[in-house]
């Protein structure tokens, strides 16, 4: 989005599917950034959305995404995902 000298905003080459995914996450009560991460991850072939954020995990799982809730101890061993949850079967 660009602010033109005349004060008008102009959108050039917007990625509308990405914008809609981010806004949908925000509307569902999640974080705009988590929507961006999940969308871009799926688009680039990612299979698992991993996060410390329980709300993000729940919302992504509700859309059918495979998720993994990281724990505080996971911070030192991010290479090992451990249990992976798919769809809405994520436990809170």
Protein backbone atom coordinates (compact mmCIF):
# COMPACT_ATOMS: atom_id res chain seq x y z
CA UNK A 1 0.00 0.00 0.00
CA UNK A 2 1.36 3.41 -0.91
CA UNK A 3 0.47 6.89 0.30
CA UNK A 4 0.44 9.15 -2.73
CA UNK A 5 1.42 12.85 -2.62
CA UNK A 6 -2.27 13.79 -3.02
CA UNK A 7 -3.07 11.95 0.26
CA UNK A 8 -4.77 8.96 -1.36
CA UNK A 9 -3.83 5.35 -0.66
CA UNK A 10 -3.09 3.07 -3.57
CA UNK A 11 -2.76 -0.70 -3.45
CA UNK A 12 -0.34 -2.24 -5.92
CA UNK A 13 0.06 -5.97 -6.49
CA UNK A 14 -1.70 -7.13 -3.33
CA UNK A 15 -1.60 -10.81 -2.41
CA UNK A 16 -5.31 -11.07 -1.60
CA UNK A 17 -5.36 -14.75 -0.51
CA UNK A 18 -2.60 -14.00 2.01
CA UNK A 19 -4.35 -10.87 3.24
CA UNK A 20 -7.67 -12.72 3.63
CA UNK A 21 -6.00 -15.56 5.58
CA UNK A 22 -4.41 -13.08 7.98
CA UNK A 23 -7.64 -11.15 8.47
CA UNK A 24 -9.57 -14.40 9.02
CA UNK A 25 -7.17 -15.36 11.82
CA UNK A 26 -7.60 -11.92 13.36
CA UNK A 27 -11.40 -12.12 13.09
CA UNK A 28 -11.37 -15.54 14.78
CA UNK A 29 -9.62 -14.05 17.80
CA UNK A 30 -6.07 -14.94 16.84
CA UNK A 31 -3.01 -12.94 16.00
CA UNK A 32 -2.53 -11.39 12.55
CA UNK A 33 1.13 -12.54 12.53
CA UNK A 34 0.17 -16.16 13.29
CA UNK A 35 -2.20 -16.05 10.32
CA UNK A 36 0.66 -14.84 8.15
CA UNK A 37 3.04 -17.52 9.40
CA UNK A 38 0.50 -20.32 8.96
CA UNK A 39 -0.55 -19.18 5.48
CA UNK A 40 2.99 -18.71 4.18
CA UNK A 41 4.09 -21.99 5.75
CA UNK A 42 1.32 -23.92 4.03
CA UNK A 43 1.93 -22.16 0.73
CA UNK A 44 5.63 -23.07 0.85
CA UNK A 45 4.97 -26.72 1.62
CA UNK A 46 5.16 -26.71 5.40
CA UNK A 47 3.31 -29.59 7.00
CA UNK A 48 3.21 -28.62 10.70
CA UNK A 49 2.44 -25.30 12.38
CA UNK A 50 4.40 -25.17 15.65
CA UNK A 51 3.89 -22.46 18.25
CA UNK A 52 3.96 -21.68 21.97
CA UNK A 53 0.58 -19.91 21.51
CA UNK A 54 -2.32 -22.18 22.50
CA UNK A 55 -4.89 -19.94 20.79
CA UNK A 56 -2.99 -20.03 17.50
CA UNK A 57 -2.68 -23.82 17.73
CA UNK A 58 -6.42 -24.20 18.34
CA UNK A 59 -7.41 -21.86 15.51
CA UNK A 60 -5.05 -23.45 12.98
CA UNK A 61 -6.22 -26.93 14.01
CA UNK A 62 -9.85 -25.86 13.51
CA UNK A 63 -9.01 -25.07 9.87
CA UNK A 64 -7.65 -28.59 9.39
CA UNK A 65 -3.99 -27.71 9.83
CA UNK A 66 -1.55 -30.05 11.52
CA UNK A 67 -0.17 -28.39 14.64
CA UNK A 68 2.33 -28.86 17.42
CA UNK A 69 2.13 -27.00 20.72
CA UNK A 70 5.64 -26.24 21.92
CA UNK A 71 6.34 -26.26 25.63
CA UNK A 72 8.84 -24.18 27.59
CA UNK A 73 11.26 -27.11 27.54
CA UNK A 74 10.92 -27.23 23.73
CA UNK A 75 12.85 -23.99 23.42
CA UNK A 76 16.11 -25.87 23.97
CA UNK A 77 15.27 -28.71 21.60
CA UNK A 78 13.30 -27.24 18.72
CA UNK A 79 14.66 -29.88 16.37
CA UNK A 80 12.50 -32.58 18.00
CA UNK A 81 8.78 -32.02 17.51
CA UNK A 82 7.55 -34.88 19.67
CA UNK A 83 3.77 -35.22 19.49
CA UNK A 84 2.11 -33.73 16.43
CA UNK A 85 -1.62 -33.11 16.36
CA UNK A 86 -3.80 -32.95 13.28
CA UNK A 87 -7.10 -31.21 12.67
CA UNK A 88 -9.36 -30.37 15.60
CA UNK A 89 -7.92 -33.14 17.79
CA UNK A 90 -5.54 -30.72 19.50
CA UNK A 91 -5.75 -30.92 23.27
CA UNK A 92 -5.81 -27.69 25.23
